[in-house]
Protein backbone atom coordinates (compact mmCIF):
# COMPACT_ATOMS: atom_id res chain seq x y z
CA MET A 1 39.93 -57.92 -0.96
CA PRO A 2 36.23 -57.30 -0.28
CA PHE A 3 34.90 -58.45 3.08
CA THR A 4 33.10 -61.80 3.14
CA PRO A 5 30.19 -62.95 5.34
CA ARG A 6 32.79 -64.31 7.79
CA THR A 7 34.75 -61.08 8.17
CA PRO A 8 34.42 -60.03 11.84
CA ARG A 9 33.09 -56.54 11.03
CA VAL A 10 30.40 -58.03 8.80
CA VAL A 11 29.53 -60.59 11.46
CA ALA A 12 29.26 -57.84 14.08
CA ALA A 13 27.07 -55.67 11.84
CA ARG A 14 24.83 -58.59 10.97
CA ARG A 15 24.02 -59.03 14.67
CA LEU A 16 22.17 -55.70 14.47
CA HIS A 17 19.26 -57.54 12.88
CA ARG A 18 18.42 -58.50 16.48
CA ARG A 19 16.85 -55.90 18.77
CA ARG A 20 18.86 -56.91 21.81
CA ASP A 21 22.09 -56.28 19.91
CA ARG A 22 20.82 -52.97 18.55
CA ASP A 23 19.91 -51.85 22.05
CA ALA A 24 23.17 -53.11 23.56
CA GLY A 25 25.34 -51.34 21.00
CA GLY A 26 23.20 -48.30 20.26
CA ARG A 27 23.53 -49.11 16.56
CA PHE A 28 21.23 -50.11 13.69
CA LEU A 29 21.39 -50.79 9.95
CA ALA A 30 20.11 -48.53 7.17
CA GLU A 31 19.80 -50.28 3.84
CA GLY A 32 19.80 -48.83 0.33
CA PRO A 33 21.06 -45.61 -1.26
CA GLN A 34 18.16 -43.40 -0.15
CA ALA A 35 18.51 -44.33 3.51
CA VAL A 36 22.29 -44.02 3.32
CA ARG A 37 22.02 -40.57 1.72
CA GLU A 38 19.67 -39.30 4.43
CA ALA A 39 21.79 -40.83 7.19
CA LEU A 40 24.96 -39.19 5.86
CA ALA A 41 23.14 -35.85 5.74
CA ARG A 42 22.74 -36.05 9.54
CA PRO A 43 26.26 -35.46 10.87
CA GLY A 44 27.66 -38.06 13.24
CA THR A 45 25.04 -40.69 12.40
CA VAL A 46 26.87 -43.15 10.14
CA VAL A 47 29.56 -45.32 11.73
CA GLU A 48 30.52 -47.44 8.71
CA LEU A 49 29.36 -47.89 5.13
CA PHE A 50 29.38 -51.33 3.50
CA GLY A 51 28.96 -51.67 -0.24
CA THR A 52 29.60 -54.04 -3.09
CA PRO A 53 32.19 -52.79 -5.60
CA ALA A 54 29.43 -52.26 -8.18
CA ALA A 55 27.27 -50.27 -5.76
CA LEU A 56 30.17 -48.14 -4.52
CA ASP A 57 30.95 -47.32 -8.15
CA ARG A 58 27.31 -46.57 -8.99
CA TYR A 59 26.82 -44.43 -5.89
CA ALA A 60 30.29 -42.91 -5.89
CA ASP A 61 28.89 -39.64 -4.52
CA LEU A 62 27.76 -41.40 -1.34
CA ALA A 63 31.07 -43.20 -0.92
CA ALA A 64 32.90 -39.91 -1.41
CA HIS A 65 30.62 -38.16 1.12
CA ALA A 66 31.31 -40.89 3.67
CA ALA A 67 35.06 -40.62 3.10
CA ARG A 68 34.96 -36.82 3.49
CA VAL A 69 33.40 -37.13 6.96
CA ASP A 70 35.80 -39.91 8.04
CA VAL A 71 33.28 -42.74 7.82
CA PRO A 72 35.02 -46.03 6.91
CA VAL A 73 33.89 -47.35 3.52
CA SER A 74 34.22 -51.13 3.29
CA GLU A 75 33.89 -53.19 0.14
CA VAL A 76 31.96 -56.43 0.62
CA THR A 77 31.14 -59.39 -1.57
CA ASP A 78 27.62 -59.90 -2.86
CA ASP A 79 27.18 -62.70 -0.31
CA ALA A 80 28.27 -60.44 2.54
CA LEU A 81 25.91 -57.68 1.42
CA ALA A 82 23.06 -60.20 1.20
CA ALA A 83 23.82 -61.25 4.79
CA LEU A 84 23.62 -57.62 5.95
CA ALA A 85 20.48 -56.75 3.98
CA GLU A 86 16.92 -57.85 4.73
CA THR A 87 15.34 -57.21 1.34
CA VAL A 88 15.05 -59.82 -1.41
CA ALA A 89 16.85 -57.65 -3.96
CA PRO A 90 19.27 -55.41 -2.02
CA GLN A 91 20.70 -52.34 -3.72
CA GLY A 92 24.27 -52.89 -2.63
CA LEU A 93 24.69 -50.43 0.26
CA VAL A 94 24.19 -50.86 4.02
CA ALA A 95 25.22 -48.30 6.65
CA VAL A 96 25.79 -48.92 10.35
CA CYS A 97 24.20 -45.97 12.14
CA ARG A 98 24.08 -44.65 15.70
CA HIS A 99 20.74 -44.57 17.49
CA LEU A 100 19.01 -41.22 17.10
CA ASP A 101 16.97 -41.12 20.31
CA VAL A 102 16.09 -37.67 21.62
CA PRO A 103 14.81 -37.31 25.23
CA LEU A 104 11.18 -36.20 25.34
CA ASP A 105 12.01 -33.03 27.26
CA ASP A 106 14.58 -32.04 24.64
CA ALA A 107 12.15 -32.68 21.79
CA LEU A 108 9.47 -30.56 23.46
CA ALA A 109 11.99 -27.81 24.27
CA ALA A 110 12.26 -27.27 20.50
CA ALA A 111 8.57 -26.20 20.58
CA PRO A 112 7.22 -28.53 17.87
CA ARG A 113 3.83 -27.48 16.53
CA LEU A 114 2.91 -31.01 15.46
CA VAL A 115 3.78 -34.30 17.19
CA ALA A 116 2.79 -37.88 16.42
CA VAL A 117 2.62 -40.40 19.27
CA LEU A 118 2.67 -44.10 18.35
CA ALA A 119 1.17 -45.69 21.43
CA GLU A 120 1.99 -49.40 21.63
CA ILE A 121 1.97 -49.81 17.85
CA ARG A 122 3.66 -53.14 17.20
CA ASP A 123 3.72 -53.38 13.39
CA PRO A 124 7.02 -52.00 12.04
CA GLY A 125 5.65 -51.29 8.57
CA ASN A 126 2.77 -49.25 9.98
CA ALA A 127 5.08 -47.41 12.38
CA GLY A 128 7.57 -46.52 9.67
CA THR A 129 4.81 -45.34 7.34
CA VAL A 130 3.31 -43.10 10.04
CA LEU A 131 6.79 -41.72 10.80
CA ARG A 132 7.23 -40.91 7.10
CA THR A 133 3.81 -39.25 6.95
CA ALA A 134 4.48 -37.24 10.11
CA ASP A 135 7.71 -35.95 8.58
CA ALA A 136 5.93 -35.03 5.34
CA ALA A 137 3.22 -33.19 7.30
CA GLY A 138 5.84 -31.14 9.13
CA ALA A 139 5.85 -32.85 12.52
CA GLY A 140 8.82 -32.02 14.69
CA ALA A 141 8.81 -35.23 16.74
CA VAL A 142 7.53 -38.80 16.64
CA VAL A 143 7.17 -40.55 19.99
CA PHE A 144 7.25 -44.34 20.27
CA ALA A 145 5.38 -44.78 23.54
CA GLY A 146 4.89 -47.79 25.80
CA ASP A 147 5.42 -51.25 24.36
CA ALA A 148 5.84 -49.92 20.82
CA VAL A 149 7.89 -51.42 18.01
CA ASP A 150 11.59 -50.61 17.91
CA PRO A 151 11.99 -47.63 15.54
CA TYR A 152 15.31 -49.17 14.43
CA ASN A 153 13.68 -52.41 13.28
CA GLY A 154 14.79 -52.93 9.68
CA LYS A 155 11.27 -52.92 8.27
CA CYS A 156 10.43 -49.74 10.19
CA VAL A 157 13.60 -48.03 8.94
CA ARG A 158 12.78 -48.97 5.34
CA ALA A 159 9.12 -47.93 5.62
CA SER A 160 10.19 -44.53 6.93
CA ALA A 161 11.97 -43.92 3.58
CA GLY A 162 14.64 -41.76 5.22
CA SER A 163 12.27 -39.80 7.47
CA LEU A 164 13.77 -41.50 10.52
CA PHE A 165 16.74 -39.18 10.02
CA HIS A 166 14.65 -36.00 9.68
CA VAL A 167 12.55 -35.76 12.85
CA ASP A 168 13.21 -36.11 16.57
CA VAL A 169 12.64 -39.76 17.46
CA VAL A 170 11.62 -40.27 21.08
CA ARG A 171 11.23 -43.55 22.93
CA ALA A 172 9.20 -43.26 26.13
CA PRO A 173 8.10 -46.17 28.33
CA ASP A 174 5.02 -44.52 29.89
CA PRO A 175 2.35 -43.23 27.46
CA LEU A 176 0.45 -41.40 30.21
CA ALA A 177 3.61 -39.56 31.22
CA VAL A 178 4.02 -38.58 27.56
CA VAL A 179 0.52 -37.07 27.52
CA ALA A 180 1.27 -35.16 30.73
CA ALA A 181 4.50 -33.79 29.24
CA LEU A 182 2.71 -32.78 26.04
CA HIS A 183 0.08 -30.90 28.05
CA ALA A 184 2.76 -29.22 30.14
CA ALA A 185 4.44 -28.05 26.93
CA GLY A 186 1.20 -26.41 25.82
CA LEU A 187 0.12 -28.88 23.15
CA SER A 188 -3.45 -29.98 22.60
CA VAL A 189 -3.59 -33.79 22.72
CA LEU A 190 -6.04 -35.54 20.39
CA ALA A 191 -6.74 -39.26 20.49
CA THR A 192 -7.81 -41.05 17.32
CA THR A 193 -10.57 -43.62 17.66
CA GLY A 194 -13.32 -44.89 15.42
CA TYR A 195 -15.75 -44.29 18.27
CA GLY A 196 -14.69 -40.74 19.04
CA ASP A 197 -17.25 -38.18 20.10
CA SER A 198 -15.54 -35.45 18.04
CA ASP A 199 -15.55 -35.36 14.25
CA LEU A 200 -12.27 -34.36 12.58
CA ASP A 201 -14.01 -32.03 10.12
CA ASP A 202 -15.93 -30.32 12.92
CA LEU A 203 -12.71 -29.70 14.86
CA ALA A 204 -11.06 -28.26 11.77
CA ASP A 205 -14.05 -26.02 11.02
CA ALA A 206 -14.05 -24.77 14.61
CA GLY A 207 -10.36 -23.82 14.41
CA ARG A 208 -9.30 -26.32 17.04
CA LEU A 209 -6.50 -27.71 14.86
CA ALA A 210 -4.82 -24.33 14.45
CA THR A 211 -2.86 -24.64 17.70
CA PRO A 212 0.16 -26.86 18.50
CA THR A 213 -1.19 -30.41 18.52
CA ALA A 214 -0.09 -33.94 19.38
CA TRP A 215 -1.98 -36.85 17.83
CA LEU A 216 -2.21 -40.20 19.63
CA PHE A 217 -2.35 -43.23 17.35
CA GLY A 218 -2.94 -46.80 18.56
CA SER A 219 -2.50 -50.20 16.96
CA GLU A 220 -4.93 -51.40 14.30
CA ALA A 221 -5.67 -54.52 16.32
CA HIS A 222 -6.43 -52.94 19.68
CA GLY A 223 -6.64 -49.18 19.22
CA LEU A 224 -5.63 -46.85 22.03
CA PRO A 225 -5.78 -47.95 25.66
CA GLU A 226 -8.82 -46.51 27.42
CA GLU A 227 -6.73 -44.58 29.94
CA LEU A 228 -4.98 -42.76 27.08
CA THR A 229 -8.16 -41.74 25.30
CA ALA A 230 -9.49 -40.49 28.64
CA ALA A 231 -6.36 -38.37 29.18
CA ALA A 232 -6.64 -36.67 25.77
CA ASP A 233 -8.36 -33.35 25.19
CA ALA A 234 -10.66 -34.89 22.59
CA ARG A 235 -11.41 -38.30 21.13
CA VAL A 236 -11.51 -37.84 17.38
CA ARG A 237 -13.00 -39.94 14.61
CA VAL A 238 -12.26 -39.55 10.91
CA PRO A 239 -15.59 -39.17 9.06
CA LEU A 240 -16.41 -42.00 6.66
CA HIS A 241 -18.61 -40.89 3.77
CA GLY A 242 -18.78 -44.18 1.92
CA ARG A 243 -19.46 -47.76 2.93
CA ALA A 244 -15.99 -48.63 4.25
CA GLU A 245 -16.07 -49.76 7.85
CA SER A 246 -12.83 -48.02 8.78
CA LEU A 247 -9.47 -46.71 7.61
CA ASN A 248 -6.21 -48.48 8.31
CA LEU A 249 -3.78 -46.87 10.72
CA ALA A 250 -1.51 -45.29 8.12
CA ALA A 251 -4.41 -43.76 6.19
CA ALA A 252 -6.10 -42.40 9.32
CA ALA A 253 -2.81 -40.93 10.53
CA ALA A 254 -2.25 -39.23 7.17
CA VAL A 255 -5.73 -37.66 7.22
CA CYS A 256 -5.31 -36.37 10.79
CA LEU A 257 -1.75 -35.11 10.43
CA TYR A 258 -2.49 -33.30 7.19
CA ALA A 259 -5.63 -31.74 8.64
CA SER A 260 -3.42 -30.28 11.36
CA ALA A 261 -0.71 -29.29 8.90
CA ARG A 262 -3.21 -27.33 6.82
CA ALA A 263 -4.69 -25.61 9.87
CA LEU A 264 -1.27 -24.70 11.26
CA ARG A 265 -0.29 -23.09 7.97
């Protein structure tokens, strides 16, 4: 019989919608076939796979993959799946996954050439989109610094479109300590701000993006804290050639990260 919303394992998994339960258990939920596929591709990540009978039949390759690596595959009713999912029209699969946190020192020991630092970014959709963009641009690590959103927030996981499982995810409480560690690892640290004294195009033309670089991104509402911009090697603005007042966070991050990606290649 498929599990129902009252089945203890479903009840326990549903608690992972709350951050305190995610932190206490070191677990989070990944919803939908794409996220499940990427999670299964990272060995040791998936703890259990829930699916409706129809979804487990449709995505039989994922169910078979889970079974091959000894991940329990549990059939659930549509109501139980709806309780586990956060989207309006869920696709029938939800995986319970282990946290993926990598210590900052370990991430830097891998000598990443491109790093994105999300400094006190609170919006999960923005954070997940920047994480996805950083992955696409070839970043080796994404650091959630200070009072930043939980990278395992459901909306952040979905916005990352699987990229959460591709890069080193670091959570660090002190953004200034992150900058110091980045400098010690030999990375140039660039702070993004609409009022920067350095133009992104000028830096690219001067070859200053052709070295290992970490980009600091702040929230759309408040930007980067002043002490962080002061600690960076340069305060960089994205040139605006039209009449728009500014770019949103995700767009600005994409422009900066891809400028670095091109220079590094």
